[in-house]
Amino acid sequence: MGNSVHRHSFVGGGPCQCGERAQALPRSTEAATSSGVDTALLHGLFPEPVLRRTLLRSVGAAALLGALSSILPIDALKAIAQERKPLEKTRLNVGFLPITCATPLIYGEQLGSYAKEGLQVSLQKIAGINLIRDKMINGELDVSQQVMPVALTMTAGVGGTTQSIKVLTILNQNGNSLVLANKHKDNRDPKKWKGFVFAVPFEQSHQAMQLRNYLAAACR
């Protein structure tokens, strides 16, 4: 349904065909922050992927960032990003859905990442999208892993109480699939799906919108 997503392929330590080079895992929080600032600058200043890849392939990330540092206070930005202020809250109740998007949260606990930052995080597995939304509204959770449309609909007041929600980070992209019941495994033509009953995780979910778009395009 649309343009394919480019996936980097690094072979033998060399660059991807798009010019991007594999980056070693940062060895410290400072290195990770510095790398994050560099990446954010490149993506912010050159949002068009083809142009960005062409520049990286032509001159390399180091040369491009070096040129940008002559007109932008990159070192100052990194210093600001490194500032560590007192934590507003150290005990956090974090809700997650039992889906692959929650992997970073679970790994963070297993690796002790929260404790290293002075946080006491209580991870809570929540059974469904509506329930985790309600727990956020009721103040039972400080942070929750959600499908993106939930944050949008909560802020807009669609289907319930209006509540301003802040999105801190994106945990996962893509990964959706359309699964047919075994009895329909040989019926791959959407034009023959009249009368089918479809299940979606959430009425305003992007899965529901993608499904509607797919069916409408296929049945024109």
Protein backbone atom coordinates (compact mmCIF):
# COMPACT_ATOMS: atom_id res chain seq x y z
CA MET A 1 0.00 0.00 0.00
CA GLY A 2 2.29 2.73 -1.15
CA ASN A 3 6.02 3.32 -1.27
CA SER A 4 8.30 0.61 0.05
CA VAL A 5 10.41 1.33 3.11
CA HIS A 6 14.18 1.35 2.61
CA ARG A 7 16.01 -1.00 4.93
CA HIS A 8 19.76 -0.54 5.32
CA SER A 9 21.96 -3.49 4.39
CA PHE A 10 25.51 -3.40 5.72
CA VAL A 11 27.78 -6.13 4.32
CA GLY A 12 31.36 -6.71 5.46
CA GLY A 13 31.47 -3.45 7.39
CA GLY A 14 30.88 -1.42 4.23
CA PRO A 15 28.19 1.19 3.63
CA CYS A 16 24.62 0.50 2.51
CA GLN A 17 23.86 1.13 -1.16
CA CYS A 18 22.17 4.39 -0.08
CA GLY A 19 25.48 5.65 1.35
CA GLU A 20 24.59 5.20 5.02
CA ARG A 21 27.28 3.54 7.13
CA ALA A 22 26.68 1.21 10.03
CA GLN A 23 27.20 2.92 13.36
CA ALA A 24 28.74 1.17 16.34
CA LEU A 25 26.64 1.16 19.48
CA PRO A 26 27.51 4.21 21.61
CA ARG A 27 29.58 3.28 24.65
CA SER A 28 28.06 5.89 26.95
CA THR A 29 25.02 8.08 27.50
CA GLU A 30 27.05 11.08 26.36
CA ALA A 31 28.02 9.35 23.12
CA ALA A 32 24.40 8.30 22.53
CA THR A 33 23.19 11.88 23.09
CA SER A 34 25.83 13.30 20.76
CA SER A 35 24.93 10.77 18.07
CA GLY A 36 21.24 11.58 18.56
CA VAL A 37 21.85 15.30 18.06
CA ASP A 38 23.81 14.60 14.85
CA THR A 39 21.04 12.36 13.50
CA ALA A 40 18.31 14.85 14.44
CA LEU A 41 20.16 17.67 12.67
CA LEU A 42 20.65 15.70 9.48
CA HIS A 43 17.03 14.53 9.41
CA GLY A 44 15.69 17.97 10.36
CA LEU A 45 17.74 19.95 7.85
CA PHE A 46 17.43 17.37 5.08
CA PRO A 47 14.01 15.75 5.58
CA GLU A 48 13.86 14.41 2.03
CA PRO A 49 15.38 10.88 2.29
CA VAL A 50 16.72 10.75 -1.28
CA LEU A 51 18.50 14.11 -0.94
CA ARG A 52 19.90 13.18 2.48
CA ARG A 53 21.22 9.84 1.24
CA THR A 54 22.76 11.50 -1.83
CA LEU A 55 24.60 14.01 0.37
CA LEU A 56 25.80 11.31 2.77
CA ARG A 57 26.97 9.16 -0.10
CA SER A 58 28.77 12.09 -1.72
CA VAL A 59 30.57 13.70 1.21
CA GLY A 60 29.94 11.51 4.25
CA ALA A 61 28.28 12.35 7.55
CA ALA A 62 31.46 13.69 9.22
CA ALA A 63 32.18 16.18 6.42
CA LEU A 64 28.57 17.29 6.24
CA LEU A 65 28.34 17.84 9.99
CA GLY A 66 31.66 19.64 9.92
CA ALA A 67 30.32 22.06 7.31
CA LEU A 68 27.14 22.59 9.30
CA SER A 69 29.14 23.34 12.45
CA SER A 70 30.51 26.47 10.76
CA ILE A 71 27.04 27.98 10.65
CA LEU A 72 25.26 26.17 13.50
CA PRO A 73 26.27 25.95 17.18
CA ILE A 74 26.35 22.14 17.14
CA ASP A 75 28.72 21.85 20.10
CA ALA A 76 26.50 24.17 22.13
CA LEU A 77 23.42 22.12 21.21
CA LYS A 78 25.16 18.94 22.34
CA ALA A 79 26.19 20.59 25.60
CA ILE A 80 22.58 21.62 26.26
CA ALA A 81 21.41 18.08 25.48
CA GLN A 82 23.95 16.70 27.97
CA GLU A 83 22.65 18.83 30.86
CA ARG A 84 21.27 16.66 33.64
CA LYS A 85 18.66 18.37 35.80
CA PRO A 86 17.05 16.85 38.90
CA LEU A 87 14.35 14.31 38.07
CA GLU A 88 10.82 15.63 38.52
CA LYS A 89 9.62 12.17 39.55
CA THR A 90 11.53 8.98 40.24
CA ARG A 91 8.71 6.45 40.74
CA LEU A 92 6.86 5.79 37.50
CA ASN A 93 3.99 3.47 36.63
CA VAL A 94 4.43 2.50 32.99
CA GLY A 95 1.74 0.58 31.15
CA PHE A 96 2.37 -1.46 28.03
CA LEU A 97 0.42 -3.61 25.60
CA PRO A 98 1.67 -7.19 25.03
CA ILE A 99 2.82 -6.48 21.47
CA THR A 100 6.25 -6.15 19.85
CA CYS A 101 6.23 -2.35 20.19
CA ALA A 102 6.73 -2.79 23.94
CA THR A 103 10.07 -4.55 23.48
CA PRO A 104 12.23 -1.46 24.24
CA LEU A 105 10.38 -0.90 27.53
CA ILE A 106 10.80 -4.53 28.62
CA TYR A 107 14.45 -4.66 27.57
CA GLY A 108 15.08 -1.41 29.43
CA GLU A 109 13.96 -3.06 32.65
CA GLN A 110 15.93 -6.26 32.01
CA LEU A 111 19.11 -4.33 31.25
CA GLY A 112 18.77 -2.10 34.30
CA SER A 113 18.58 1.06 32.19
CA TYR A 114 15.94 2.69 34.39
CA ALA A 115 17.88 2.15 37.61
CA LYS A 116 21.01 3.62 36.00
CA GLU A 117 19.06 6.85 35.45
CA GLY A 118 17.75 6.90 39.02
CA LEU A 119 14.24 5.73 38.12
CA GLN A 120 12.05 3.18 39.86
CA VAL A 121 9.80 1.92 37.08
CA SER A 122 6.86 -0.40 37.62
CA LEU A 123 5.96 -2.04 34.30
CA GLN A 124 2.33 -3.08 34.02
CA LYS A 125 1.02 -5.31 31.24
CA ILE A 126 -2.40 -4.05 30.17
CA ALA A 127 -4.80 -6.31 28.29
CA GLY A 128 -6.16 -3.94 25.68
CA ILE A 129 -6.03 -0.53 24.01
CA ASN A 130 -9.23 0.82 25.56
CA LEU A 131 -8.16 -0.26 29.06
CA ILE A 132 -4.71 1.30 28.87
CA ARG A 133 -6.29 4.50 27.55
CA ASP A 134 -8.71 4.61 30.50
CA LYS A 135 -5.88 4.04 32.98
CA MET A 136 -4.05 7.03 31.51
CA ILE A 137 -7.16 9.19 31.78
CA ASN A 138 -7.76 8.08 35.39
CA GLY A 139 -4.20 8.92 36.38
CA GLU A 140 -3.22 5.33 37.20
CA LEU A 141 -0.29 5.45 34.76
CA ASP A 142 2.47 8.02 34.40
CA VAL A 143 3.53 6.72 31.00
CA SER A 144 1.94 4.28 28.59
CA GLN A 145 2.92 2.61 25.36
CA GLN A 146 0.08 3.24 22.93
CA VAL A 147 -0.77 2.96 19.28
CA MET A 148 -0.37 6.48 17.87
CA PRO A 149 -4.04 7.19 17.02
CA VAL A 150 -4.96 6.79 20.71
CA ALA A 151 -2.85 9.80 21.67
CA LEU A 152 -4.39 11.79 18.83
CA THR A 153 -7.98 10.86 19.63
CA MET A 154 -7.49 11.46 23.38
CA THR A 155 -6.14 14.95 22.69
CA ALA A 156 -8.99 15.63 20.26
CA GLY A 157 -11.60 14.21 22.66
CA VAL A 158 -12.82 11.64 20.14
CA GLY A 159 -14.75 8.84 21.85
CA GLY A 160 -14.24 10.15 25.37
CA THR A 161 -12.85 12.86 27.63
CA THR A 162 -10.44 15.38 26.11
CA GLN A 163 -6.99 15.07 27.63
CA SER A 164 -3.76 16.57 26.32
CA ILE A 165 -1.26 13.78 25.65
CA LYS A 166 2.45 14.25 24.98
CA VAL A 167 4.22 11.75 22.70
CA LEU A 168 7.77 11.24 24.02
CA THR A 169 9.17 8.83 21.47
CA ILE A 170 8.29 6.42 18.67
CA LEU A 171 8.95 2.80 19.67
CA ASN A 172 8.19 1.06 16.40
CA GLN A 173 7.18 1.72 12.81
CA ASN A 174 5.36 -0.43 10.27
CA GLY A 175 4.93 -4.12 11.04
CA ASN A 176 1.19 -4.37 10.38
CA SER A 177 -0.26 -7.36 8.58
CA LEU A 178 -3.62 -8.60 7.34
CA VAL A 179 -4.32 -12.13 8.60
CA LEU A 180 -6.98 -14.33 7.00
CA ALA A 181 -8.77 -17.15 8.77
CA ASN A 182 -7.59 -20.59 7.64
CA LYS A 183 -10.87 -21.22 5.85
CA HIS A 184 -10.10 -18.24 3.59
CA LYS A 185 -6.40 -18.99 3.04
CA ASP A 186 -6.88 -19.59 -0.69
CA ASN A 187 -9.07 -16.52 -1.19
CA ARG A 188 -6.54 -13.73 -1.71
CA ASP A 189 -8.70 -11.49 -3.90
CA PRO A 190 -10.29 -8.64 -1.87
CA LYS A 191 -12.99 -8.35 -4.52
CA LYS A 192 -14.27 -11.73 -3.30
CA TRP A 193 -14.37 -10.72 0.37
CA LYS A 194 -17.96 -9.47 0.38
CA GLY A 195 -19.60 -10.47 3.66
CA PHE A 196 -16.31 -10.90 5.52
CA VAL A 197 -16.14 -9.81 9.17
CA PHE A 198 -12.96 -7.86 9.96
CA ALA A 199 -11.43 -7.26 13.38
CA VAL A 200 -9.35 -4.15 14.18
CA PRO A 201 -7.60 -3.28 17.46
CA PHE A 202 -9.18 0.15 17.84
CA GLU A 203 -11.85 2.06 15.92
CA GLN A 204 -9.53 5.02 15.23
CA SER A 205 -6.39 2.89 14.85
CA HIS A 206 -4.10 3.25 11.86
CA GLN A 207 -4.70 -0.47 11.21
CA ALA A 208 -8.40 0.29 10.71
CA MET A 209 -7.60 3.18 8.37
CA GLN A 210 -5.09 1.11 6.41
CA LEU A 211 -7.58 -1.74 6.09
CA ARG A 212 -10.29 0.59 4.79
CA ASN A 213 -7.86 2.16 2.34
CA TYR A 214 -6.66 -1.24 1.13
CA LEU A 215 -10.18 -2.54 0.56
CA ALA A 216 -11.32 0.64 -1.17
CA ALA A 217 -8.30 0.66 -3.51
CA ALA A 218 -8.58 -3.05 -4.29
CA CYS A 219 -12.29 -2.95 -5.05
CA ARG A 220 -12.37 0.05 -7.37
